[in-house]
């Protein structure tokens, strides 16, 4: 899913307190609300990235604008790997 890739674009993910909080809250909701899962496990990444983006100063912006606003960073090595792969796939 796109959200799985977008996790790589979260700035300083290992030290980002807001990201950690979004992950913790999402996991907590998934485990403890009404003794049932709120969404399937494959949608967990979707819930995490949307929670993270919902808590930004300008919440609810589309993914592309999230990069422009620096909520997500496109200057990530994983992003470049993806671009290189796309170029090999479609340009070569």
C-alpha atoms as a PDB file:
ATOM      1  CA  UNK A   1       0.000   0.000   0.000  1.00  0.00           C
ATOM      2  CA  UNK A   2       1.041   3.564  -0.549  1.00  0.00           C
ATOM      3  CA  UNK A   3       1.017   4.181   3.209  1.00  0.00           C
ATOM      4  CA  UNK A   4       3.669   1.476   3.698  1.00  0.00           C
ATOM      5  CA  UNK A   5       5.965   3.468   1.428  1.00  0.00           C
ATOM      6  CA  UNK A   6       5.039   6.786   3.052  1.00  0.00           C
ATOM      7  CA  UNK A   7       6.298   5.520   6.401  1.00  0.00           C
ATOM      8  CA  UNK A   8       9.793   5.748   4.917  1.00  0.00           C
ATOM      9  CA  UNK A   9       9.191   9.464   4.340  1.00  0.00           C
ATOM     10  CA  UNK A  10       8.443  10.346   7.978  1.00  0.00           C
ATOM     11  CA  UNK A  11      11.273  12.692   9.017  1.00  0.00           C
ATOM     12  CA  UNK A  12      13.682  11.241  11.578  1.00  0.00           C
ATOM     13  CA  UNK A  13      11.221   8.443  12.284  1.00  0.00           C
ATOM     14  CA  UNK A  14      13.349   6.931  15.054  1.00  0.00           C
ATOM     15  CA  UNK A  15      13.360  10.175  17.061  1.00  0.00           C
ATOM     16  CA  UNK A  16      10.104  11.759  15.893  1.00  0.00           C
ATOM     17  CA  UNK A  17       7.912  12.045  19.009  1.00  0.00           C
ATOM     18  CA  UNK A  18       4.738  12.706  17.023  1.00  0.00           C
ATOM     19  CA  UNK A  19       5.322   9.642  14.830  1.00  0.00           C
ATOM     20  CA  UNK A  20       5.979   7.488  17.897  1.00  0.00           C
ATOM     21  CA  UNK A  21       2.762   8.758  19.480  1.00  0.00           C
ATOM     22  CA  UNK A  22       0.766   8.024  16.323  1.00  0.00           C
ATOM     23  CA  UNK A  23       2.164   4.483  16.240  1.00  0.00           C
ATOM     24  CA  UNK A  24       1.513   3.919  19.951  1.00  0.00           C
ATOM     25  CA  UNK A  25      -2.040   5.276  19.789  1.00  0.00           C
ATOM     26  CA  UNK A  26      -2.873   3.323  16.664  1.00  0.00           C
ATOM     27  CA  UNK A  27      -1.553   0.118  18.185  1.00  0.00           C
ATOM     28  CA  UNK A  28      -3.474   0.811  21.390  1.00  0.00           C
ATOM     29  CA  UNK A  29      -6.731   1.381  19.519  1.00  0.00           C
ATOM     30  CA  UNK A  30      -6.141  -1.744  17.468  1.00  0.00           C
ATOM     31  CA  UNK A  31      -5.646  -3.879  20.577  1.00  0.00           C
ATOM     32  CA  UNK A  32      -7.995  -2.463  23.160  1.00  0.00           C
ATOM     33  CA  UNK A  33     -11.075  -0.791  21.757  1.00  0.00           C
ATOM     34  CA  UNK A  34     -14.140  -2.925  22.427  1.00  0.00           C
ATOM     35  CA  UNK A  35     -12.010  -6.083  22.492  1.00  0.00           C
ATOM     36  CA  UNK A  36     -12.003  -6.229  18.697  1.00  0.00           C
ATOM     37  CA  UNK A  37      -9.732  -4.988  15.973  1.00  0.00           C
ATOM     38  CA  UNK A  38     -10.819  -1.683  14.482  1.00  0.00           C
ATOM     39  CA  UNK A  39      -9.222  -2.447  11.112  1.00  0.00           C
ATOM     40  CA  UNK A  40      -7.359  -5.315   9.476  1.00  0.00           C
ATOM     41  CA  UNK A  41      -3.663  -5.740  10.191  1.00  0.00           C
ATOM     42  CA  UNK A  42      -2.797  -4.911   6.596  1.00  0.00           C
ATOM     43  CA  UNK A  43      -4.386  -1.486   7.122  1.00  0.00           C
ATOM     44  CA  UNK A  44      -2.341  -0.703  10.238  1.00  0.00           C
ATOM     45  CA  UNK A  45       0.178   1.351   8.225  1.00  0.00           C
ATOM     46  CA  UNK A  46      -2.722   3.350   6.752  1.00  0.00           C
ATOM     47  CA  UNK A  47      -4.015   4.145  10.259  1.00  0.00           C
ATOM     48  CA  UNK A  48      -0.554   5.156  11.507  1.00  0.00           C
ATOM     49  CA  UNK A  49       0.284   7.542   8.658  1.00  0.00           C
ATOM     50  CA  UNK A  50      -3.161   9.142   8.702  1.00  0.00           C
ATOM     51  CA  UNK A  51      -2.986   9.636  12.491  1.00  0.00           C
ATOM     52  CA  UNK A  52       0.461  11.202  12.121  1.00  0.00           C
ATOM     53  CA  UNK A  53      -0.709  13.560   9.375  1.00  0.00           C
ATOM     54  CA  UNK A  54      -3.919  14.406  11.242  1.00  0.00           C
ATOM     55  CA  UNK A  55      -1.858  15.789  14.126  1.00  0.00           C
ATOM     56  CA  UNK A  56       0.214  18.170  12.019  1.00  0.00           C
ATOM     57  CA  UNK A  57      -0.194  21.940  12.237  1.00  0.00           C
ATOM     58  CA  UNK A  58      -2.198  21.917   9.000  1.00  0.00           C
ATOM     59  CA  UNK A  59      -4.062  18.637   9.330  1.00  0.00           C
ATOM     60  CA  UNK A  60      -5.805  16.698   6.620  1.00  0.00           C
ATOM     61  CA  UNK A  61      -3.601  17.751   3.718  1.00  0.00           C
ATOM     62  CA  UNK A  62      -3.085  15.321   0.816  1.00  0.00           C
ATOM     63  CA  UNK A  63       0.080  13.228   0.685  1.00  0.00           C
ATOM     64  CA  UNK A  64       1.769  15.389  -1.953  1.00  0.00           C
ATOM     65  CA  UNK A  65       1.181  18.564   0.022  1.00  0.00           C
ATOM     66  CA  UNK A  66       2.458  16.764   3.125  1.00  0.00           C
ATOM     67  CA  UNK A  67       5.821  16.539   1.365  1.00  0.00           C
ATOM     68  CA  UNK A  68       5.700  20.231   0.405  1.00  0.00           C
ATOM     69  CA  UNK A  69       4.912  21.149   4.020  1.00  0.00           C
ATOM     70  CA  UNK A  70       7.803  18.923   5.207  1.00  0.00           C
ATOM     71  CA  UNK A  71       5.543  16.619   7.230  1.00  0.00           C
ATOM     72  CA  UNK A  72       7.027  13.920   5.005  1.00  0.00           C
ATOM     73  CA  UNK A  73      10.499  14.064   3.417  1.00  0.00           C
ATOM     74  CA  UNK A  74      11.117  12.970  -0.140  1.00  0.00           C
ATOM     75  CA  UNK A  75      14.907  13.256   0.198  1.00  0.00           C
ATOM     76  CA  UNK A  76      15.087   9.797   1.677  1.00  0.00           C
ATOM     77  CA  UNK A  77      17.386   7.087   0.227  1.00  0.00           C
ATOM     78  CA  UNK A  78      14.377   4.756  -0.085  1.00  0.00           C
ATOM     79  CA  UNK A  79      12.636   7.359  -2.198  1.00  0.00           C
ATOM     80  CA  UNK A  80      15.640   7.593  -4.504  1.00  0.00           C
ATOM     81  CA  UNK A  81      15.740   3.788  -4.788  1.00  0.00           C
ATOM     82  CA  UNK A  82      12.095   3.873  -5.850  1.00  0.00           C
ATOM     83  CA  UNK A  83      12.750   6.614  -8.435  1.00  0.00           C
ATOM     84  CA  UNK A  84      15.715   4.673  -9.802  1.00  0.00           C
ATOM     85  CA  UNK A  85      13.557   1.560 -10.111  1.00  0.00           C
ATOM     86  CA  UNK A  86      10.823   3.497 -11.915  1.00  0.00           C
ATOM     87  CA  UNK A  87      13.403   4.911 -14.323  1.00  0.00           C
ATOM     88  CA  UNK A  88      14.804   1.450 -15.048  1.00  0.00           C
ATOM     89  CA  UNK A  89      11.302   0.110 -15.548  1.00  0.00           C
ATOM     90  CA  UNK A  90       9.860   2.801 -17.788  1.00  0.00           C
ATOM     91  CA  UNK A  91      12.777   4.700 -19.330  1.00  0.00           C
ATOM     92  CA  UNK A  92      15.132   1.890 -20.267  1.00  0.00           C
END
